[in-house]
Amino acid sequence: MATTTAREIDPLALEHQVCFALATTNRAVLAVYRPLLEPLGLTHPQYLVMLALWDHRKTPAANQSPLSVKQIATALQMDSATLSPMLKRLEGLGLIARAKNAADERATDVMLTEDGIALRERALEIPPAVVARLGVDLAELENLHQVLTRINSAAVAAGALQS
């Protein structure tokens, strides 16, 4: 049986591209989330915003303080302009409230409403449902998360998100 050497591997073969594996996996995993988030009335990007706000609320000192749009955008590695329409929709759903920052009128603060706080309880069902639907061992998912976080950090350090 012949073994494949590095010279025989086509560096442009689709099945060897990390970008292809990430893109197809991203679409497939988001498709798993879609029907789970639907009863909550959230899209996946909106879910990520809510996760950021719920995380912020867990910090004792930050419990009642708002997050700025810029802080949310930074946490989610998104552009503020992309985030703004999403925040408007979440506000329309009654999950968040937006207000101009008193100290800097150019900045907008975002806070969870009572409905937004209450939605967290229902959202607790999402992570275990995703794990169950993927049928992958939790330790594997945790390892994947660590690897992806390292790759993301390396890409950001290499200037991947610079405008």
Protein backbone atom coordinates (compact mmCIF):
# COMPACT_ATOMS: atom_id res chain seq x y z
CA MET A 1 0.00 0.00 0.00
CA ALA A 2 1.46 3.34 -1.05
CA THR A 3 1.56 6.25 1.35
CA THR A 4 0.79 9.80 0.30
CA THR A 5 3.68 12.23 0.55
CA ALA A 6 3.44 15.97 1.02
CA ARG A 7 4.40 16.46 -2.65
CA GLU A 8 1.44 14.36 -3.81
CA ILE A 9 -1.16 16.37 -1.84
CA ASP A 10 -2.73 19.11 -3.93
CA PRO A 11 -2.57 22.27 -1.78
CA LEU A 12 -5.62 23.62 -3.62
CA ALA A 13 -7.80 20.54 -3.23
CA LEU A 14 -11.15 21.66 -1.83
CA GLU A 15 -11.26 18.89 0.77
CA HIS A 16 -7.95 20.12 2.24
CA GLN A 17 -9.04 23.74 2.71
CA VAL A 18 -9.59 24.88 6.29
CA CYS A 19 -11.72 27.77 5.00
CA PHE A 20 -14.05 25.31 3.25
CA ALA A 21 -14.38 23.11 6.34
CA LEU A 22 -15.11 26.17 8.50
CA ALA A 23 -17.64 27.63 6.04
CA THR A 24 -19.60 24.42 5.55
CA THR A 25 -19.53 23.58 9.25
CA ASN A 26 -20.68 27.10 10.10
CA ARG A 27 -23.70 26.79 7.80
CA ALA A 28 -24.56 23.32 9.11
CA VAL A 29 -24.26 24.25 12.80
CA LEU A 30 -26.31 27.42 12.31
CA ALA A 31 -28.97 25.26 10.66
CA VAL A 32 -29.06 23.21 13.87
CA TYR A 33 -29.58 26.38 15.92
CA ARG A 34 -32.30 27.86 13.68
CA PRO A 35 -35.27 25.68 14.78
CA LEU A 36 -34.16 25.87 18.42
CA LEU A 37 -34.03 29.67 18.38
CA GLU A 38 -37.26 30.10 16.44
CA PRO A 39 -39.55 29.58 19.48
CA LEU A 40 -37.55 32.30 21.26
CA GLY A 41 -38.16 34.64 18.32
CA LEU A 42 -34.42 35.05 17.74
CA THR A 43 -32.07 34.67 14.82
CA HIS A 44 -28.59 33.35 15.55
CA PRO A 45 -26.94 36.81 15.39
CA GLN A 46 -29.61 38.16 17.76
CA TYR A 47 -28.94 35.21 20.07
CA LEU A 48 -25.25 36.18 20.15
CA VAL A 49 -26.20 39.75 21.14
CA MET A 50 -28.41 38.41 23.92
CA LEU A 51 -25.60 36.12 25.11
CA ALA A 52 -23.27 39.14 25.33
CA LEU A 53 -25.86 41.08 27.32
CA TRP A 54 -26.63 38.14 29.62
CA ASP A 55 -22.89 37.61 30.22
CA HIS A 56 -22.47 41.29 31.08
CA ARG A 57 -25.35 41.11 33.53
CA LYS A 58 -23.64 38.25 35.44
CA THR A 59 -20.84 40.61 36.49
CA PRO A 60 -21.87 41.99 39.91
CA ALA A 61 -20.57 45.52 39.28
CA ALA A 62 -22.14 45.58 35.83
CA ASN A 63 -25.47 44.09 36.87
CA GLN A 64 -27.44 47.28 36.27
CA SER A 65 -25.03 49.13 33.99
CA PRO A 66 -25.60 49.19 30.25
CA LEU A 67 -23.25 48.04 27.52
CA SER A 68 -22.47 50.43 24.71
CA VAL A 69 -23.09 49.43 21.11
CA LYS A 70 -19.32 49.63 20.64
CA GLN A 71 -18.70 47.23 23.55
CA ILE A 72 -21.17 44.71 22.12
CA ALA A 73 -19.65 45.05 18.65
CA THR A 74 -16.18 44.46 20.08
CA ALA A 75 -17.31 41.42 22.08
CA LEU A 76 -18.95 39.90 18.99
CA GLN A 77 -16.19 41.02 16.60
CA MET A 78 -18.79 42.83 14.51
CA ASP A 79 -19.00 46.23 12.92
CA SER A 80 -21.26 48.65 14.83
CA ALA A 81 -23.11 49.44 11.60
CA THR A 82 -24.00 45.74 11.20
CA LEU A 83 -25.06 45.52 14.83
CA SER A 84 -27.36 48.58 14.89
CA PRO A 85 -30.24 47.13 12.80
CA MET A 86 -30.12 43.96 14.89
CA LEU A 87 -30.40 46.00 18.08
CA LYS A 88 -33.34 47.89 16.60
CA ARG A 89 -35.13 44.57 15.95
CA LEU A 90 -34.36 43.31 19.48
CA GLU A 91 -35.74 46.57 20.86
CA GLY A 92 -38.86 46.07 18.72
CA LEU A 93 -39.25 42.63 20.29
CA GLY A 94 -39.13 44.28 23.72
CA LEU A 95 -35.94 42.44 24.76
CA ILE A 96 -33.62 45.43 25.03
CA ALA A 97 -33.78 49.18 25.48
CA ARG A 98 -31.44 51.63 23.78
CA ALA A 99 -30.63 55.12 25.00
CA LYS A 100 -28.09 57.82 24.19
CA ASN A 101 -25.21 57.82 26.66
CA ALA A 102 -25.54 60.78 29.05
CA ALA A 103 -21.79 61.50 29.01
CA ASP A 104 -21.28 61.02 25.24
CA GLU A 105 -24.30 61.66 23.05
CA ARG A 106 -22.54 59.93 20.11
CA ALA A 107 -22.62 56.64 22.03
CA THR A 108 -25.69 54.45 22.51
CA ASP A 109 -26.19 52.31 25.60
CA VAL A 110 -28.04 48.99 25.54
CA MET A 111 -29.78 47.34 28.49
CA LEU A 112 -31.88 44.23 28.84
CA THR A 113 -35.57 44.73 29.58
CA GLU A 114 -37.41 42.50 32.03
CA ASP A 115 -38.53 40.37 29.05
CA GLY A 116 -34.92 40.15 27.86
CA ILE A 117 -33.78 39.05 31.30
CA ALA A 118 -36.60 36.47 31.50
CA LEU A 119 -35.77 35.06 28.05
CA ARG A 120 -32.46 33.77 29.44
CA GLU A 121 -34.32 31.10 31.39
CA ARG A 122 -35.83 29.69 28.19
CA ALA A 123 -32.50 30.00 26.36
CA LEU A 124 -30.86 27.67 28.88
CA GLU A 125 -32.39 24.82 26.86
CA ILE A 126 -30.44 25.77 23.70
CA PRO A 127 -26.88 24.55 24.48
CA PRO A 128 -27.83 21.02 25.58
CA ALA A 129 -30.24 20.71 22.64
CA VAL A 130 -27.46 21.69 20.22
CA VAL A 131 -25.08 19.14 21.76
CA ALA A 132 -27.76 16.45 21.53
CA ARG A 133 -28.57 17.25 17.88
CA LEU A 134 -24.91 17.29 16.89
CA GLY A 135 -24.36 13.92 18.56
CA VAL A 136 -20.79 14.89 19.39
CA ASP A 137 -19.17 14.28 22.75
CA LEU A 138 -19.10 17.40 24.95
CA ALA A 139 -15.33 17.01 25.46
CA GLU A 140 -14.86 17.09 21.67
CA LEU A 141 -16.91 20.27 21.41
CA GLU A 142 -14.92 21.88 24.23
CA ASN A 143 -11.67 20.94 22.47
CA LEU A 144 -13.00 22.32 19.18
CA HIS A 145 -13.95 25.55 20.95
CA GLN A 146 -10.41 25.90 22.32
CA VAL A 147 -8.83 25.28 18.91
CA LEU A 148 -11.18 27.70 17.14
CA THR A 149 -10.55 30.35 19.80
CA ARG A 150 -6.78 30.00 19.27
CA ILE A 151 -7.21 30.22 15.48
CA ASN A 152 -9.46 33.27 15.83
CA SER A 153 -6.92 34.97 18.13
CA ALA A 154 -4.14 34.26 15.66
CA ALA A 155 -6.19 35.62 12.76
CA VAL A 156 -7.09 38.78 14.72
CA ALA A 157 -3.43 39.23 15.73
CA ALA A 158 -2.51 38.93 12.04
CA GLY A 159 -4.85 41.85 11.29
CA ALA A 160 -7.81 39.87 9.97
CA LEU A 161 -10.47 42.27 11.29
CA GLN A 162 -8.74 45.56 10.61
CA SER A 163 -10.74 47.91 8.43
